[in-house]
Protein backbone atom coordinates (compact mmCIF):
# COMPACT_ATOMS: atom_id res chain seq x y z
CA MET A 1 128.74 137.29 70.43
CA ILE A 2 128.53 139.31 73.62
CA HIS A 3 130.77 142.42 73.65
CA GLY A 4 133.05 140.82 71.06
CA VAL A 5 133.43 137.54 72.96
CA HIS A 6 132.04 134.41 71.34
CA ILE A 7 129.21 132.73 73.27
CA GLU A 8 131.06 129.38 73.25
CA VAL A 9 133.98 131.01 75.04
CA ILE A 10 131.66 132.36 77.72
CA LEU A 11 129.96 128.99 78.15
CA ALA A 12 133.30 127.15 78.29
CA GLY A 13 134.56 129.64 80.87
CA ALA A 14 131.42 129.24 82.97
CA TYR A 15 131.69 125.45 82.82
CA ALA A 16 135.40 125.62 83.76
CA LEU A 17 134.50 127.75 86.79
CA PHE A 18 131.79 125.24 87.67
CA LEU A 19 134.38 122.40 87.57
CA VAL A 20 136.72 124.42 89.78
CA GLY A 21 133.87 124.98 92.22
CA VAL A 22 133.06 121.27 92.30
CA ALA A 23 136.74 120.46 92.94
CA ALA A 24 136.88 123.01 95.79
CA VAL A 25 133.68 121.68 97.37
CA LEU A 26 134.99 118.11 97.05
CA GLU A 27 138.20 119.07 98.86
CA TRP A 28 136.26 120.81 101.62
CA LEU A 29 133.82 117.92 102.05
CA ALA A 30 136.64 115.38 102.15
CA ARG A 31 138.50 117.31 104.86
CA HIS A 32 135.29 117.89 106.81
CA SER A 33 134.24 114.23 106.73
CA HIS A 34 137.76 113.15 107.73
CA ARG A 35 137.71 115.51 110.73
CA ARG A 36 134.23 114.34 111.77
CA SER A 37 135.12 110.66 111.53
CA GLU A 38 138.25 111.21 113.63
CA HIS A 39 136.22 113.17 116.17
CA PHE A 40 133.46 110.58 116.53
CA ARG A 41 135.84 107.62 116.60
CA ASN A 42 137.63 109.10 119.62
CA SER A 43 134.72 111.10 121.03
CA GLY A 44 135.22 112.26 124.59
CA PHE A 45 138.94 111.44 124.52
CA THR A 46 141.61 114.12 124.31
CA TYR A 47 145.00 113.60 122.71
CA LYS A 48 147.97 114.91 124.72
CA HIS A 49 150.64 115.46 122.07
CA LYS A 50 153.61 116.06 124.41
CA LEU A 51 152.95 112.83 126.32
CA ASP A 52 151.74 110.84 123.28
CA VAL A 53 148.73 109.58 125.22
CA TRP A 54 144.96 109.82 124.92
CA GLU A 55 143.12 110.95 128.04
CA CYS A 56 139.71 109.45 128.72
CA PRO A 57 136.82 111.53 130.12
CA THR A 58 137.59 110.25 133.64
CA GLY A 59 141.26 111.35 133.41
CA HIS A 60 143.00 108.00 132.79
CA HIS A 61 145.64 107.74 130.10
CA LEU A 62 145.66 105.38 127.14
CA THR A 63 149.28 104.75 126.19
CA ARG A 64 150.59 103.57 122.85
CA ALA A 65 150.45 99.79 122.81
CA SER A 66 151.56 99.15 119.23
CA THR A 67 152.17 100.84 115.91
CA ASP A 68 151.39 99.52 112.45
CA PHE A 69 153.80 101.50 110.26
CA GLU A 70 152.58 99.89 107.05
CA ARG A 71 148.98 101.02 107.65
CA ARG A 72 150.17 104.19 109.49
CA ILE A 73 148.01 103.51 112.57
CA ALA A 74 148.92 103.69 116.27
CA HIS A 75 146.97 101.64 118.82
CA TYR A 76 146.46 103.06 122.31
CA ARG A 77 145.20 101.06 125.27
CA ALA A 78 144.05 101.97 128.77
CA PRO A 79 145.14 99.80 131.69
CA ALA A 80 142.58 97.03 132.16
CA HIS A 81 142.57 97.34 135.95
CA LYS A 82 141.49 101.00 135.70
CA CYS A 83 138.83 100.40 133.03
CA ASN A 84 137.30 97.42 134.81
CA VAL A 85 136.55 99.45 137.98
CA CYS A 86 135.51 102.65 136.16
CA HIS A 87 131.90 103.81 136.59
CA CYS A 88 131.77 104.75 132.86
CA LYS A 89 132.89 101.34 131.57
CA LYS A 90 129.46 100.21 130.35
CA ASP A 91 129.22 103.32 128.13
CA CYS A 92 132.84 103.15 127.00
CA THR A 93 133.89 99.57 126.27
CA ASP A 94 132.82 95.96 126.71
CA SER A 95 136.42 94.72 126.72
CA ASP A 96 137.95 93.30 129.88
CA GLY A 97 141.37 94.23 128.48
CA GLY A 98 140.80 98.00 128.65
CA ARG A 99 139.60 100.57 126.13
CA GLU A 100 141.55 100.71 122.89
CA LEU A 101 141.74 103.57 120.40
CA GLU A 102 143.25 103.75 116.94
CA SER A 103 144.89 106.94 115.76
CA CYS A 104 146.19 107.75 112.28
CA LEU A 105 149.87 108.67 112.21
CA ASP A 106 149.41 110.75 109.09
CA ALA A 107 147.73 114.07 108.97
CA TRP A 108 144.98 114.56 106.42
CA LEU A 109 147.44 115.88 103.84
CA GLN A 110 149.59 112.73 103.94
CA SER A 111 146.85 110.13 103.97
CA GLU A 112 145.89 107.81 101.13
CA LEU A 113 142.32 109.05 101.39
CA ARG A 114 143.58 112.55 100.72
CA ARG A 115 145.42 111.28 97.64
CA PHE A 116 142.21 109.70 96.33
CA HIS A 117 140.15 112.86 96.74
CA ARG A 118 142.99 115.04 95.47
CA GLY A 119 143.18 112.85 92.34
CA ILE A 120 139.51 113.47 91.62
CA SER A 121 139.97 117.22 92.14
CA LEU A 122 143.02 117.20 89.86
CA THR A 123 141.03 115.42 87.17
CA LEU A 124 138.32 118.08 87.33
CA LEU A 125 140.91 120.89 87.13
CA ALA A 126 142.70 119.17 84.23
CA LEU A 127 139.40 118.88 82.39
CA ALA A 128 138.77 122.60 82.91
CA VAL A 129 142.26 123.49 81.63
CA LEU A 130 141.91 121.18 78.62
CA MET A 131 138.54 122.66 77.74
CA LEU A 132 139.83 126.24 77.99
CA ALA A 133 142.93 125.42 75.92
CA ALA A 134 140.76 123.82 73.22
CA GLU A 135 138.62 126.96 73.10
CA MET A 136 141.78 129.05 72.71
CA PHE A 137 142.65 127.08 69.57
CA ARG A 138 139.12 127.35 68.21
CA HIS A 139 138.61 131.08 68.87
CA GLN A 140 141.81 133.02 68.26
CA GLU A 141 140.45 136.55 68.48
CA ALA A 142 142.15 138.76 71.09
CA ARG A 143 139.07 139.31 73.28
CA ASN A 144 138.38 135.59 73.44
CA TRP A 145 142.00 134.89 74.37
CA ILE A 146 141.92 137.50 77.14
CA VAL A 147 138.84 135.89 78.68
CA LEU A 148 140.22 132.35 78.32
CA ALA A 149 143.73 133.22 79.56
CA GLY A 150 142.21 135.08 82.49
CA LEU A 151 140.62 131.80 83.55
CA LEU A 152 143.32 129.40 82.37
CA ILE A 153 146.21 130.92 84.34
CA PRO A 154 144.66 130.79 87.85
CA ILE A 155 143.08 127.39 87.23
CA GLY A 156 146.40 126.04 85.93
CA PHE A 157 148.21 127.50 88.95
CA ALA A 158 145.72 125.90 91.37
CA GLY A 159 146.04 122.59 89.53
CA SER A 160 149.83 122.71 89.69
CA ARG A 161 149.72 123.26 93.46
CA TYR A 162 147.35 120.29 93.86
CA PHE A 163 149.63 118.21 91.65
CA VAL A 164 152.70 118.98 93.78
CA PHE A 165 150.87 117.81 96.93
CA PHE A 166 149.52 114.77 95.06
CA THR A 167 152.94 113.58 93.84
CA GLU A 168 154.95 114.15 97.01
CA PRO A 169 156.26 110.86 98.37
CA LYS A 170 154.72 109.23 101.42
CA ARG A 171 156.55 109.93 104.65
CA LYS A 172 158.30 107.06 106.38
CA ASN A 173 159.09 106.99 110.08
């Protein structure tokens, strides 16, 4: 015992905090890798939201050519006659039909990839809550409960927020 708190309670609390940290790092890494992949896929091109076009580095616009609502992807294409005479074509595309870009219609929070990573984070948080609750049943002294409840409440709150975002229905256009 350390200051009236059982050592198992301290170890369980430390491990629960470790699981929360892993879940937080996983969420951050998932968002970061998603942002990087979107950036590199469309590198050099700028999206003009008001016009719903992508602008290439030479100033030409790629307009929406088609939309796959099932996969939640929009396809943008530059006019072939502009791409074929462009001095940057050899570094940009080998297509004679003009440069094409794909853009996700969903933001990170609505994507299936987000749901996958959020599910893993939820599992880690649920494991932390389950472990802390089990320790509460094993060690029913007041000091142990104060330590465990002090961890259980914020972890449970964070898990409930993740769960709400995880279970929200997919948006349809």
